[in-house]
Each structure stands twice: as C-alpha cells, then as structure tokens.
Amino acid sequence: MNTFIRATEIWLPAPDQPLLVCGGGWYGEARQFGSISRSMCFGLGEGLPGRAWDEGRPIVLRQLEGTYFMRAVAARAAGIACAVAMPVFTEGRLGAVVVFFCGGDSADRGAIELWRNDPRVATDMTLVDGCYGTAAQAFESLSRETYLPRGSGLPGLAWQRGAAVLIDDLGNARRFVRAEDAAAAGVQRGLALPCTSLGHESYVMTFLSAAESPVARRIESWVAGDGATPERHFGHCEVLGPLPGGEALAAGSTIGRVFASGVPALSLRADGEPGELGGAAARAGLGAVLAMPVIGVEGVREVAVLYF
C-alpha cells in the first residue's frame, strides 16, 4: 500500500551553531533522495526547513522546482511533487522542523492542507495552501472557498480544542462541512493537528486519507493528564481497523520520549516498539513511526503518531 506521504524527516537545531541538522528521516523508496538529505544542513532562512524556522510558521510548497527548495532535482527523480514543513516551538524556542514529502501520481487522492486564522483580520479559519493528489484537485477548489468558524469543520474543531481531531468517515460526518465533496473525491478519513507558530495567527494542518492512498498506514493520538501514564485517545490502522482508546503506553517507547522532551522523534523500526505497540506494528507490516508533540500552554498535552 502506497501512502500519500512518500517521505518524512526531522530537522533539529545544532547545539553549538545556528544550523538545522538532520535528526532522522524515513524516505521509503526514495533512497537516493534520503542519502542526499541526510548529508545536508540548513541555516536560518535556507531551504524549506530553514524558511519555516525563519518565518516561525508552517509552510506549504506545492511546487518544488523553481523555488528556494534546495533538493528539487533529487525530489523529482524520486517522484516527490510537493512538501510541507511544520516547525515545533515551545515557549518561543524552536525544538524541531518536521517535513512531509508527498507524491503526485494520477491515482493519489490524499491531501495535506494548512489552515490559518489571523485574529487581526477575521474570525474564521481559511485555507493557506495544500498538497493535493491529482485525483483530489476538485476537492481543493471547494476548500479555497470555505470559511470555518471556531469549532466548525475538521480544522475548526482542532483549533477550538487545541488538540488533535480524527474523523473516520468524512463523507457521512455532519461535523465535516465538505462531506459531500470529500466523498466524491474519495477522501474518507481526516486528522487535524494544531500547529505552533511565533506570530498571532493560529494554524491547523489536516491530513486527508483515501482508501487507495492514505496519508499514513496508521494514525494515533496519545494523551496524559496530571502526570499519569499516557493512554491512547484514538487511532486507526489501515490493516487492523479502528484502535481502542484507553491502552496504556509501555515504557521506553518513541512516543514516551516525545512526551518527555517535547521534540518530535522518528524510529525506522515500528515493530521494535515495546509492548503491544511493536506487536501490532509487526502484524500490520508497519515500518517507520513518527511521533509529534501537540504543545499547549503548559507543555506537551498530546502526542500524534503516524506510521508508514
């Protein structure tokens, strides 16, 4: 099963100089692109990771060639068409930049969208831009005409709650205001994540999956309150189906490291995760796991996880 996200990587601030260095990456079949990427570093404002760091906000690059993206030739050779960068800030300090790379095959129906509210301009959330599979481009047209009040639609719900939101059946969900068009485009499932930024704006990133090309092979959210052991809040696996909430997190996991550090983490051995996590990953044939913190006023309130 091909995922809409073809590759993902984490860029970390170097400890002794103003640079971003590679903190790990999953590149799927794009091995040459991965080899080039791991050898690079970015200064403030350089390349996509450096630009997201400099501007202090998420960025969508729906076209890589002819832009400031520094790996365009290698990306084209790997079948990568567009990219999204999501910086993670805690108390105004950069912890990491997560980058997602997406394909552009004619069969792709998935999408990653970036939504924004600027309270100085409007009370609604509107689309900034997105990476859309070729078969989902009609869905893009409607998204650009959509205005979402706080608490309305998938992005509006994540904005209101300050937490990840998963809607399993977008075509039949009354909370999803583009339900009819989602069904027509083959978009079935949506995950929304609130993003950190340094400005006044609020940002939400949505990951929209189709059966033929889900954004990831498994999606989870883990939460912890009052110092308790984190538990799964929700989840869905393309092989195993809906995942029950309430399962306790085993010690020593990649997810646990993110709760402790507030910094995204990636492992290329999902089946090596402790406890039932690793067992379920092995049964579903999952390879890599990416864990990302959802930052609140008091620090990490949730960890969102994508498996590939």
C-alpha atoms as a PDB file:
ATOM      1  CA  MET A   1       0.000   0.000   0.000  1.00  0.00           C
ATOM      2  CA  ASN A   2       1.451   3.355  -1.082  1.00  0.00           C
ATOM      3  CA  THR A   3       0.928   6.265   1.275  1.00  0.00           C
ATOM      4  CA  PHE A   4       0.317   9.834   0.097  1.00  0.00           C
ATOM      5  CA  ILE A   5       3.251  10.885   2.276  1.00  0.00           C
ATOM      6  CA  ARG A   6       6.271   9.480   0.447  1.00  0.00           C
ATOM      7  CA  ALA A   7       8.897  10.559   2.979  1.00  0.00           C
ATOM      8  CA  THR A   8       9.253  12.486   6.219  1.00  0.00           C
ATOM      9  CA  GLU A   9      12.198  13.943   8.123  1.00  0.00           C
ATOM     10  CA  ILE A  10      13.070  15.843  11.298  1.00  0.00           C
ATOM     11  CA  TRP A  11      15.499  18.787  11.418  1.00  0.00           C
ATOM     12  CA  LEU A  12      16.975  19.729  14.801  1.00  0.00           C
ATOM     13  CA  PRO A  13      18.828  22.863  15.934  1.00  0.00           C
ATOM     14  CA  ALA A  14      22.548  22.184  16.190  1.00  0.00           C
ATOM     15  CA  PRO A  15      23.750  22.575  19.796  1.00  0.00           C
ATOM     16  CA  ASP A  16      26.679  24.888  19.045  1.00  0.00           C
ATOM     17  CA  GLN A  17      25.809  26.834  15.890  1.00  0.00           C
ATOM     18  CA  PRO A  18      22.773  28.414  14.154  1.00  0.00           C
ATOM     19  CA  LEU A  19      22.056  25.453  11.876  1.00  0.00           C
ATOM     20  CA  LEU A  20      19.453  22.761  11.423  1.00  0.00           C
ATOM     21  CA  VAL A  21      20.869  19.254  11.135  1.00  0.00           C
ATOM     22  CA  CYS A  22      19.104  16.048  10.157  1.00  0.00           C
ATOM     23  CA  GLY A  23      17.588  14.347  13.184  1.00  0.00           C
ATOM     24  CA  GLY A  24      16.319  11.336  11.280  1.00  0.00           C
ATOM     25  CA  GLY A  25      14.236  10.542   8.248  1.00  0.00           C
ATOM     26  CA  TRP A  26      12.068   7.923   6.628  1.00  0.00           C
ATOM     27  CA  TYR A  27      12.400   8.062   2.845  1.00  0.00           C
ATOM     28  CA  GLY A  28      10.569   4.936   1.712  1.00  0.00           C
ATOM     29  CA  GLU A  29      11.614   4.113  -1.852  1.00  0.00           C
ATOM     30  CA  ALA A  30      13.349   7.491  -2.259  1.00  0.00           C
ATOM     31  CA  ARG A  31      16.710   6.157  -1.081  1.00  0.00           C
ATOM     32  CA  GLN A  32      18.919   8.470  -3.150  1.00  0.00           C
ATOM     33  CA  PHE A  33      16.901  11.482  -2.041  1.00  0.00           C
ATOM     34  CA  GLY A  34      17.323  10.320   1.552  1.00  0.00           C
ATOM     35  CA  SER A  35      21.077   9.908   1.160  1.00  0.00           C
ATOM     36  CA  ILE A  36      21.389  13.469  -0.139  1.00  0.00           C
ATOM     37  CA  SER A  37      19.130  14.850   2.573  1.00  0.00           C
ATOM     38  CA  ARG A  38      20.968  13.233   5.490  1.00  0.00           C
ATOM     39  CA  SER A  39      24.201  14.942   4.439  1.00  0.00           C
ATOM     40  CA  MET A  40      22.725  18.449   4.414  1.00  0.00           C
ATOM     41  CA  CYS A  41      22.231  21.220   6.961  1.00  0.00           C
ATOM     42  CA  PHE A  42      20.279  24.470   6.759  1.00  0.00           C
ATOM     43  CA  GLY A  43      20.886  27.926   8.148  1.00  0.00           C
ATOM     44  CA  LEU A  44      18.167  30.362   9.147  1.00  0.00           C
ATOM     45  CA  GLY A  45      16.073  31.036   6.044  1.00  0.00           C
ATOM     46  CA  GLU A  46      17.816  28.380   3.927  1.00  0.00           C
ATOM     47  CA  GLY A  47      15.791  25.740   2.115  1.00  0.00           C
ATOM     48  CA  LEU A  48      12.358  24.669   3.308  1.00  0.00           C
ATOM     49  CA  PRO A  49      13.344  23.745   6.900  1.00  0.00           C
ATOM     50  CA  GLY A  50      15.299  26.990   7.307  1.00  0.00           C
ATOM     51  CA  ARG A  51      12.467  29.069   5.862  1.00  0.00           C
ATOM     52  CA  ALA A  52       9.909  27.575   8.287  1.00  0.00           C
ATOM     53  CA  TRP A  53      12.344  28.317  11.132  1.00  0.00           C
ATOM     54  CA  ASP A  54      12.873  31.896   9.958  1.00  0.00           C
ATOM     55  CA  GLU A  55       9.211  32.695   9.345  1.00  0.00           C
ATOM     56  CA  GLY A  56       8.106  30.938  12.535  1.00  0.00           C
ATOM     57  CA  ARG A  57       5.161  29.164  10.930  1.00  0.00           C
ATOM     58  CA  PRO A  58       4.203  26.093   8.878  1.00  0.00           C
ATOM     59  CA  ILE A  59       4.862  26.343   5.126  1.00  0.00           C
ATOM     60  CA  VAL A  60       3.429  24.504   2.127  1.00  0.00           C
ATOM     61  CA  LEU A  61       5.491  24.228  -1.053  1.00  0.00           C
ATOM     62  CA  ARG A  62       3.147  22.756  -3.644  1.00  0.00           C
ATOM     63  CA  GLN A  63       5.825  23.088  -6.310  1.00  0.00           C
ATOM     64  CA  LEU A  64       9.485  22.389  -5.552  1.00  0.00           C
ATOM     65  CA  GLU A  65      11.245  23.312  -8.771  1.00  0.00           C
ATOM     66  CA  GLY A  66      11.955  26.986  -9.371  1.00  0.00           C
ATOM     67  CA  THR A  67      11.708  27.797  -5.660  1.00  0.00           C
ATOM     68  CA  TYR A  68      14.105  28.059  -2.733  1.00  0.00           C
ATOM     69  CA  PHE A  69      13.830  24.270  -2.244  1.00  0.00           C
ATOM     70  CA  MET A  70      17.410  23.010  -2.499  1.00  0.00           C
ATOM     71  CA  ARG A  71      16.779  19.357  -3.395  1.00  0.00           C
ATOM     72  CA  ALA A  72      14.357  19.777  -6.303  1.00  0.00           C
ATOM     73  CA  VAL A  73      16.240  17.646  -8.838  1.00  0.00           C
ATOM     74  CA  ALA A  74      16.584  14.728  -6.436  1.00  0.00           C
ATOM     75  CA  ALA A  75      12.947  15.111  -5.365  1.00  0.00           C
ATOM     76  CA  ARG A  76      11.718  14.962  -8.961  1.00  0.00           C
ATOM     77  CA  ALA A  77      13.760  11.819  -9.574  1.00  0.00           C
ATOM     78  CA  ALA A  78      12.116  10.251  -6.505  1.00  0.00           C
ATOM     79  CA  GLY A  79       8.581  11.102  -7.646  1.00  0.00           C
ATOM     80  CA  ILE A  80       8.131  13.750  -4.936  1.00  0.00           C
ATOM     81  CA  ALA A  81       5.924  16.623  -6.061  1.00  0.00           C
ATOM     82  CA  CYS A  82       5.385  18.864  -3.034  1.00  0.00           C
ATOM     83  CA  ALA A  83       6.361  19.344   0.607  1.00  0.00           C
ATOM     84  CA  VAL A  84       5.049  20.717   3.902  1.00  0.00           C
ATOM     85  CA  ALA A  85       7.213  21.987   6.777  1.00  0.00           C
ATOM     86  CA  MET A  86       5.873  22.126  10.333  1.00  0.00           C
ATOM     87  CA  PRO A  87       8.071  23.852  12.942  1.00  0.00           C
ATOM     88  CA  VAL A  88       7.600  22.915  16.597  1.00  0.00           C
ATOM     89  CA  PHE A  89       8.093  25.753  19.079  1.00  0.00           C
ATOM     90  CA  THR A  90       7.981  25.588  22.870  1.00  0.00           C
ATOM     91  CA  GLU A  91       7.913  28.905  24.732  1.00  0.00           C
ATOM     92  CA  GLY A  92       9.218  30.662  21.638  1.00  0.00           C
ATOM     93  CA  ARG A  93      12.146  28.304  21.106  1.00  0.00           C
ATOM     94  CA  LEU A  94      12.466  26.006  18.117  1.00  0.00           C
ATOM     95  CA  GLY A  95      12.536  22.328  19.022  1.00  0.00           C
ATOM     96  CA  ALA A  96      12.464  20.888  15.505  1.00  0.00           C
ATOM     97  CA  VAL A  97      11.089  21.205  11.995  1.00  0.00           C
ATOM     98  CA  VAL A  98       9.154  18.227  10.626  1.00  0.00           C
ATOM     99  CA  VAL A  99       8.943  17.988   6.828  1.00  0.00           C
ATOM    100  CA  PHE A 100       6.482  15.842   4.860  1.00  0.00           C
ATOM    101  CA  PHE A 101       7.028  14.987   1.196  1.00  0.00           C
ATOM    102  CA  CYS A 102       4.101  13.963  -0.979  1.00  0.00           C
ATOM    103  CA  GLY A 103       3.696  12.293  -4.350  1.00  0.00           C
ATOM    104  CA  GLY A 104       1.803  13.435  -7.399  1.00  0.00           C
ATOM    105  CA  ASP A 105       0.725  10.229  -9.109  1.00  0.00           C
ATOM    106  CA  SER A 106      -2.518  10.238 -11.058  1.00  0.00           C
ATOM    107  CA  ALA A 107      -4.039   7.751  -8.585  1.00  0.00           C
ATOM    108  CA  ASP A 108      -3.273   9.843  -5.489  1.00  0.00           C
ATOM    109  CA  ARG A 109      -6.410  11.045  -3.720  1.00  0.00           C
ATOM    110  CA  GLY A 110      -4.931  12.194  -0.425  1.00  0.00           C
ATOM    111  CA  ALA A 111      -4.120  15.715   0.693  1.00  0.00           C
ATOM    112  CA  ILE A 112      -2.336  17.748   3.346  1.00  0.00           C
ATOM    113  CA  GLU A 113      -3.898  21.154   3.973  1.00  0.00           C
ATOM    114  CA  LEU A 114      -2.730  24.133   6.024  1.00  0.00           C
ATOM    115  CA  TRP A 115      -5.425  26.342   7.577  1.00  0.00           C
ATOM    116  CA  ARG A 116      -4.937  29.680   9.336  1.00  0.00           C
ATOM    117  CA  ASN A 117      -6.798  32.241  11.396  1.00  0.00           C
ATOM    118  CA  ASP A 118      -5.407  35.752  11.766  1.00  0.00           C
ATOM    119  CA  PRO A 119      -7.453  37.365  14.546  1.00  0.00           C
ATOM    120  CA  ARG A 120      -6.439  40.829  13.335  1.00  0.00           C
ATOM    121  CA  VAL A 121      -8.233  40.196  10.039  1.00  0.00           C
ATOM    122  CA  ALA A 122     -11.079  37.715  10.533  1.00  0.00           C
ATOM    123  CA  THR A 123     -12.807  35.395  12.990  1.00  0.00           C
ATOM    124  CA  ASP A 124     -12.762  32.426  10.601  1.00  0.00           C
ATOM    125  CA  MET A 125     -10.133  29.928   9.580  1.00  0.00           C
ATOM    126  CA  THR A 126      -9.273  29.789   5.864  1.00  0.00           C
ATOM    127  CA  LEU A 127      -7.041  27.660   3.672  1.00  0.00           C
ATOM    128  CA  VAL A 128      -3.452  28.826   3.244  1.00  0.00           C
ATOM    129  CA  ASP A 129      -2.462  26.131   0.750  1.00  0.00           C
ATOM    130  CA  GLY A 130      -2.182  22.392   0.397  1.00  0.00           C
ATOM    131  CA  CYS A 131      -0.585  19.410  -1.279  1.00  0.00           C
ATOM    132  CA  TYR A 132      -3.285  17.549  -3.218  1.00  0.00           C
ATOM    133  CA  GLY A 133      -3.134  14.288  -5.086  1.00  0.00           C
ATOM    134  CA  THR A 134      -4.119  14.599  -8.726  1.00  0.00           C
ATOM    135  CA  ALA A 135      -7.461  12.895  -8.105  1.00  0.00           C
ATOM    136  CA  ALA A 136      -8.274  15.267  -5.199  1.00  0.00           C
ATOM    137  CA  GLN A 137      -7.858  18.562  -7.044  1.00  0.00           C
ATOM    138  CA  ALA A 138     -11.597  19.151  -7.363  1.00  0.00           C
ATOM    139  CA  PHE A 139     -11.744  18.966  -3.571  1.00  0.00           C
ATOM    140  CA  GLU A 140      -9.096  21.714  -3.439  1.00  0.00           C
ATOM    141  CA  SER A 141     -11.371  24.181  -5.261  1.00  0.00           C
ATOM    142  CA  LEU A 142     -14.054  23.877  -2.600  1.00  0.00           C
ATOM    143  CA  SER A 143     -11.506  24.140   0.218  1.00  0.00           C
ATOM    144  CA  ARG A 144     -10.334  27.505  -1.106  1.00  0.00           C
ATOM    145  CA  GLU A 145     -13.887  28.828  -0.890  1.00  0.00           C
ATOM    146  CA  THR A 146     -14.514  27.551   2.643  1.00  0.00           C
ATOM    147  CA  TYR A 147     -14.572  29.743   5.776  1.00  0.00           C
ATOM    148  CA  LEU A 148     -14.592  27.883   9.080  1.00  0.00           C
ATOM    149  CA  PRO A 149     -15.676  29.488  12.372  1.00  0.00           C
ATOM    150  CA  ARG A 150     -14.032  28.243  15.525  1.00  0.00           C
ATOM    151  CA  GLY A 151     -15.343  24.734  16.235  1.00  0.00           C
ATOM    152  CA  SER A 152     -16.658  24.201  12.707  1.00  0.00           C
ATOM    153  CA  GLY A 153     -15.296  21.543  10.373  1.00  0.00           C
ATOM    154  CA  LEU A 154     -12.223  19.429  10.975  1.00  0.00           C
ATOM    155  CA  PRO A 155      -9.713  22.338  11.162  1.00  0.00           C
ATOM    156  CA  GLY A 156     -12.113  24.424  13.252  1.00  0.00           C
ATOM    157  CA  LEU A 157     -12.554  21.617  15.788  1.00  0.00           C
ATOM    158  CA  ALA A 158      -8.790  21.207  16.242  1.00  0.00           C
ATOM    159  CA  TRP A 159      -8.456  24.996  16.561  1.00  0.00           C
ATOM    160  CA  GLN A 160     -11.176  25.130  19.218  1.00  0.00           C
ATOM    161  CA  ARG A 161      -9.877  22.184  21.247  1.00  0.00           C
ATOM    162  CA  GLY A 162      -6.156  22.831  20.821  1.00  0.00           C
ATOM    163  CA  ALA A 163      -5.883  19.103  20.277  1.00  0.00           C
ATOM    164  CA  ALA A 164      -5.746  16.506  17.519  1.00  0.00           C
ATOM    165  CA  VAL A 165      -9.076  15.506  15.966  1.00  0.00           C
ATOM    166  CA  LEU A 166      -9.779  12.387  13.891  1.00  0.00           C
ATOM    167  CA  ILE A 167     -12.918  11.929  11.779  1.00  0.00           C
ATOM    168  CA  ASP A 168     -13.164   8.389  10.408  1.00  0.00           C
ATOM    169  CA  ASP A 169     -15.904   8.776   7.796  1.00  0.00           C
ATOM    170  CA  LEU A 170     -15.721  12.258   6.319  1.00  0.00           C
ATOM    171  CA  GLY A 171     -18.358  11.608   3.679  1.00  0.00           C
ATOM    172  CA  ASN A 172     -21.026  10.964   6.327  1.00  0.00           C
ATOM    173  CA  ALA A 173     -19.800  13.267   9.095  1.00  0.00           C
ATOM    174  CA  ARG A 174     -22.030  16.244   9.863  1.00  0.00           C
ATOM    175  CA  ARG A 175     -19.084  17.922  11.580  1.00  0.00           C
ATOM    176  CA  PHE A 176     -17.174  17.943   8.278  1.00  0.00           C
ATOM    177  CA  VAL A 177     -18.611  20.788   6.203  1.00  0.00           C
ATOM    178  CA  ARG A 178     -17.123  19.465   2.931  1.00  0.00           C
ATOM    179  CA  ALA A 179     -18.552  15.964   3.392  1.00  0.00           C
ATOM    180  CA  GLU A 180     -20.266  15.596   0.012  1.00  0.00           C
ATOM    181  CA  ASP A 181     -17.209  16.754  -1.915  1.00  0.00           C
ATOM    182  CA  ALA A 182     -14.928  14.561   0.197  1.00  0.00           C
ATOM    183  CA  ALA A 183     -16.992  11.520  -0.722  1.00  0.00           C
ATOM    184  CA  ALA A 184     -16.885  12.464  -4.414  1.00  0.00           C
ATOM    185  CA  ALA A 185     -13.096  12.834  -4.277  1.00  0.00           C
ATOM    186  CA  GLY A 186     -12.664   9.520  -2.468  1.00  0.00           C
ATOM    187  CA  VAL A 187     -11.349  11.216   0.681  1.00  0.00           C
ATOM    188  CA  GLN A 188     -12.504   9.103   3.630  1.00  0.00           C
ATOM    189  CA  ARG A 189     -10.581   9.965   6.793  1.00  0.00           C
ATOM    190  CA  GLY A 190      -9.134  13.152   8.251  1.00  0.00           C
ATOM    191  CA  LEU A 191      -6.687  14.018  11.018  1.00  0.00           C
ATOM    192  CA  ALA A 192      -6.242  17.637  12.142  1.00  0.00           C
ATOM    193  CA  LEU A 193      -3.296  18.874  14.216  1.00  0.00           C
ATOM    194  CA  PRO A 194      -2.937  22.326  15.776  1.00  0.00           C
ATOM    195  CA  CYS A 195       0.478  23.781  14.902  1.00  0.00           C
ATOM    196  CA  THR A 196       2.775  26.095  16.838  1.00  0.00           C
ATOM    197  CA  SER A 197       3.946  29.434  15.440  1.00  0.00           C
ATOM    198  CA  LEU A 198       5.656  32.620  16.610  1.00  0.00           C
ATOM    199  CA  GLY A 199       3.037  35.080  15.357  1.00  0.00           C
ATOM    200  CA  HIS A 200      -0.523  35.996  16.261  1.00  0.00           C
ATOM    201  CA  GLU A 201      -2.016  33.514  13.825  1.00  0.00           C
ATOM    202  CA  SER A 202      -3.417  30.079  14.663  1.00  0.00           C
ATOM    203  CA  TYR A 203      -2.558  27.227  12.295  1.00  0.00           C
ATOM    204  CA  VAL A 204      -4.045  23.766  11.823  1.00  0.00           C
ATOM    205  CA  MET A 205      -2.695  21.072   9.497  1.00  0.00           C
ATOM    206  CA  THR A 206      -5.108  18.458   8.167  1.00  0.00           C
ATOM    207  CA  PHE A 207      -4.106  15.056   6.788  1.00  0.00           C
ATOM    208  CA  LEU A 208      -6.795  13.660   4.473  1.00  0.00           C
ATOM    209  CA  SER A 209      -6.729   9.984   3.501  1.00  0.00           C
ATOM    210  CA  ALA A 210      -8.285   7.919   0.731  1.00  0.00           C
ATOM    211  CA  ALA A 211      -8.503   4.137   0.758  1.00  0.00           C
ATOM    212  CA  GLU A 212      -6.114   3.850  -2.190  1.00  0.00           C
ATOM    213  CA  SER A 213      -3.569   6.323  -0.831  1.00  0.00           C
ATOM    214  CA  PRO A 214      -3.889   7.068   2.913  1.00  0.00           C
ATOM    215  CA  VAL A 215      -1.554   9.743   4.245  1.00  0.00           C
ATOM    216  CA  ALA A 216      -0.121   7.108   6.620  1.00  0.00           C
ATOM    217  CA  ARG A 217      -0.764   3.440   7.328  1.00  0.00           C
ATOM    218  CA  ARG A 218      -1.697   4.021  10.961  1.00  0.00           C
ATOM    219  CA  ILE A 219      -2.708   7.128  12.933  1.00  0.00           C
ATOM    220  CA  GLU A 220      -2.823   7.539  16.707  1.00  0.00           C
ATOM    221  CA  SER A 221      -3.219  10.138  19.432  1.00  0.00           C
ATOM    222  CA  TRP A 222      -1.858   9.601  22.950  1.00  0.00           C
ATOM    223  CA  VAL A 223      -2.741  11.806  25.912  1.00  0.00           C
ATOM    224  CA  ALA A 224      -1.591  12.118  29.504  1.00  0.00           C
ATOM    225  CA  GLY A 225      -3.124  14.133  32.281  1.00  0.00           C
ATOM    226  CA  ASP A 226      -1.756  15.095  35.695  1.00  0.00           C
ATOM    227  CA  GLY A 227       1.433  13.078  35.240  1.00  0.00           C
ATOM    228  CA  ALA A 228      -0.437   9.833  34.592  1.00  0.00           C
ATOM    229  CA  THR A 229       0.817   7.154  32.212  1.00  0.00           C
ATOM    230  CA  PRO A 230      -0.129   8.202  28.664  1.00  0.00           C
ATOM    231  CA  GLU A 231      -3.053   6.377  27.089  1.00  0.00           C
ATOM    232  CA  ARG A 232      -4.232   6.066  23.521  1.00  0.00           C
ATOM    233  CA  HIS A 233      -7.001   8.575  22.883  1.00  0.00           C
ATOM    234  CA  PHE A 234      -7.898   7.407  19.386  1.00  0.00           C
ATOM    235  CA  GLY A 235      -6.383   5.564  16.464  1.00  0.00           C
ATOM    236  CA  HIS A 236      -6.946   3.888  13.132  1.00  0.00           C
ATOM    237  CA  CYS A 237      -4.868   1.315  11.251  1.00  0.00           C
ATOM    238  CA  GLU A 238      -5.415   0.685   7.537  1.00  0.00           C
ATOM    239  CA  VAL A 239      -4.857  -3.042   8.155  1.00  0.00           C
ATOM    240  CA  LEU A 240      -6.327  -3.617  11.634  1.00  0.00           C
ATOM    241  CA  GLY A 241      -9.105  -1.004  11.555  1.00  0.00           C
ATOM    242  CA  PRO A 242     -10.167   1.296  14.439  1.00  0.00           C
ATOM    243  CA  LEU A 243      -7.930   1.133  17.506  1.00  0.00           C
ATOM    244  CA  PRO A 244      -9.461   1.188  21.000  1.00  0.00           C
ATOM    245  CA  GLY A 245      -8.786   4.032  23.365  1.00  0.00           C
ATOM    246  CA  GLY A 246      -7.501   3.594  26.880  1.00  0.00           C
ATOM    247  CA  GLU A 247      -4.499   1.368  26.160  1.00  0.00           C
ATOM    248  CA  ALA A 248      -1.590   2.344  28.422  1.00  0.00           C
ATOM    249  CA  LEU A 249       1.734   3.278  26.877  1.00  0.00           C
ATOM    250  CA  ALA A 250       4.605   0.904  27.588  1.00  0.00           C
ATOM    251  CA  ALA A 251       7.830   2.376  28.976  1.00  0.00           C
ATOM    252  CA  GLY A 252      10.713   3.077  26.611  1.00  0.00           C
ATOM    253  CA  SER A 253       8.686   3.916  23.504  1.00  0.00           C
ATOM    254  CA  THR A 254       9.344   6.589  20.890  1.00  0.00           C
ATOM    255  CA  ILE A 255       6.045   8.182  21.937  1.00  0.00           C
ATOM    256  CA  GLY A 256       7.196   8.333  25.556  1.00  0.00           C
ATOM    257  CA  ARG A 257      10.408  10.114  24.530  1.00  0.00           C
ATOM    258  CA  VAL A 258       8.347  12.806  22.843  1.00  0.00           C
ATOM    259  CA  PHE A 259       6.179  13.274  25.943  1.00  0.00           C
ATOM    260  CA  ALA A 260       9.358  13.724  27.992  1.00  0.00           C
ATOM    261  CA  SER A 261      11.276  16.006  25.611  1.00  0.00           C
ATOM    262  CA  GLY A 262       8.644  17.919  23.645  1.00  0.00           C
ATOM    263  CA  VAL A 263      10.682  17.203  20.498  1.00  0.00           C
ATOM    264  CA  PRO A 264       9.434  15.095  17.553  1.00  0.00           C
ATOM    265  CA  ALA A 265      11.076  11.687  17.176  1.00  0.00           C
ATOM    266  CA  LEU A 266      11.235   9.059  14.450  1.00  0.00           C
ATOM    267  CA  SER A 267      12.059   5.357  14.540  1.00  0.00           C
ATOM    268  CA  LEU A 268      12.572   3.163  11.489  1.00  0.00           C
ATOM    269  CA  ARG A 269      11.594   0.045  13.471  1.00  0.00           C
ATOM    270  CA  ALA A 270       7.950   0.332  14.443  1.00  0.00           C
ATOM    271  CA  ASP A 271       7.926  -3.397  15.180  1.00  0.00           C
ATOM    272  CA  GLY A 272      10.673  -2.795  17.748  1.00  0.00           C
ATOM    273  CA  GLU A 273       8.489  -0.563  19.916  1.00  0.00           C
ATOM    274  CA  PRO A 274       7.850  -2.033  23.384  1.00  0.00           C
ATOM    275  CA  GLY A 275       4.746  -3.975  24.330  1.00  0.00           C
ATOM    276  CA  GLU A 276       1.656  -4.224  22.158  1.00  0.00           C
ATOM    277  CA  LEU A 277       2.765  -1.270  20.013  1.00  0.00           C
ATOM    278  CA  GLY A 278       5.546  -3.314  18.471  1.00  0.00           C
ATOM    279  CA  GLY A 279       3.387  -6.411  18.179  1.00  0.00           C
ATOM    280  CA  ALA A 280       0.602  -4.546  16.381  1.00  0.00           C
ATOM    281  CA  ALA A 281       3.135  -2.880  14.072  1.00  0.00           C
ATOM    282  CA  ALA A 282       4.565  -6.284  13.166  1.00  0.00           C
ATOM    283  CA  ARG A 283       1.107  -7.733  12.425  1.00  0.00           C
ATOM    284  CA  ALA A 284       0.264  -4.776  10.192  1.00  0.00           C
ATOM    285  CA  GLY A 285       3.657  -4.783   8.459  1.00  0.00           C
ATOM    286  CA  LEU A 286       4.483  -1.224   9.557  1.00  0.00           C
ATOM    287  CA  GLY A 287       7.986   0.161   9.120  1.00  0.00           C
ATOM    288  CA  ALA A 288       8.609   3.666  10.487  1.00  0.00           C
ATOM    289  CA  VAL A 289       6.893   5.594  13.270  1.00  0.00           C
ATOM    290  CA  LEU A 290       6.845   9.398  13.578  1.00  0.00           C
ATOM    291  CA  ALA A 291       5.712  10.924  16.895  1.00  0.00           C
ATOM    292  CA  MET A 292       4.922  14.644  17.120  1.00  0.00           C
ATOM    293  CA  PRO A 293       4.050  16.684  20.217  1.00  0.00           C
ATOM    294  CA  VAL A 294       0.943  18.837  20.403  1.00  0.00           C
ATOM    295  CA  ILE A 295       2.099  21.777  22.512  1.00  0.00           C
ATOM    296  CA  GLY A 296      -0.236  23.559  24.904  1.00  0.00           C
ATOM    297  CA  VAL A 297       0.235  26.380  27.387  1.00  0.00           C
ATOM    298  CA  GLU A 298       1.758  24.016  29.944  1.00  0.00           C
ATOM    299  CA  GLY A 299       3.870  21.985  27.520  1.00  0.00           C
ATOM    300  CA  VAL A 300       3.142  18.697  25.778  1.00  0.00           C
ATOM    301  CA  ARG A 301      -0.518  17.830  26.112  1.00  0.00           C
ATOM    302  CA  GLU A 302      -0.706  15.139  23.462  1.00  0.00           C
ATOM    303  CA  VAL A 303       1.433  13.161  21.012  1.00  0.00           C
ATOM    304  CA  ALA A 304       0.172  12.486  17.491  1.00  0.00           C
ATOM    305  CA  VAL A 305       1.694   9.489  15.718  1.00  0.00           C
ATOM    306  CA  LEU A 306       1.935   8.484  12.063  1.00  0.00           C
ATOM    307  CA  TYR A 307       3.148   5.050  10.961  1.00  0.00           C
ATOM    308  CA  PHE A 308       4.439   4.214   7.478  1.00  0.00           C
END
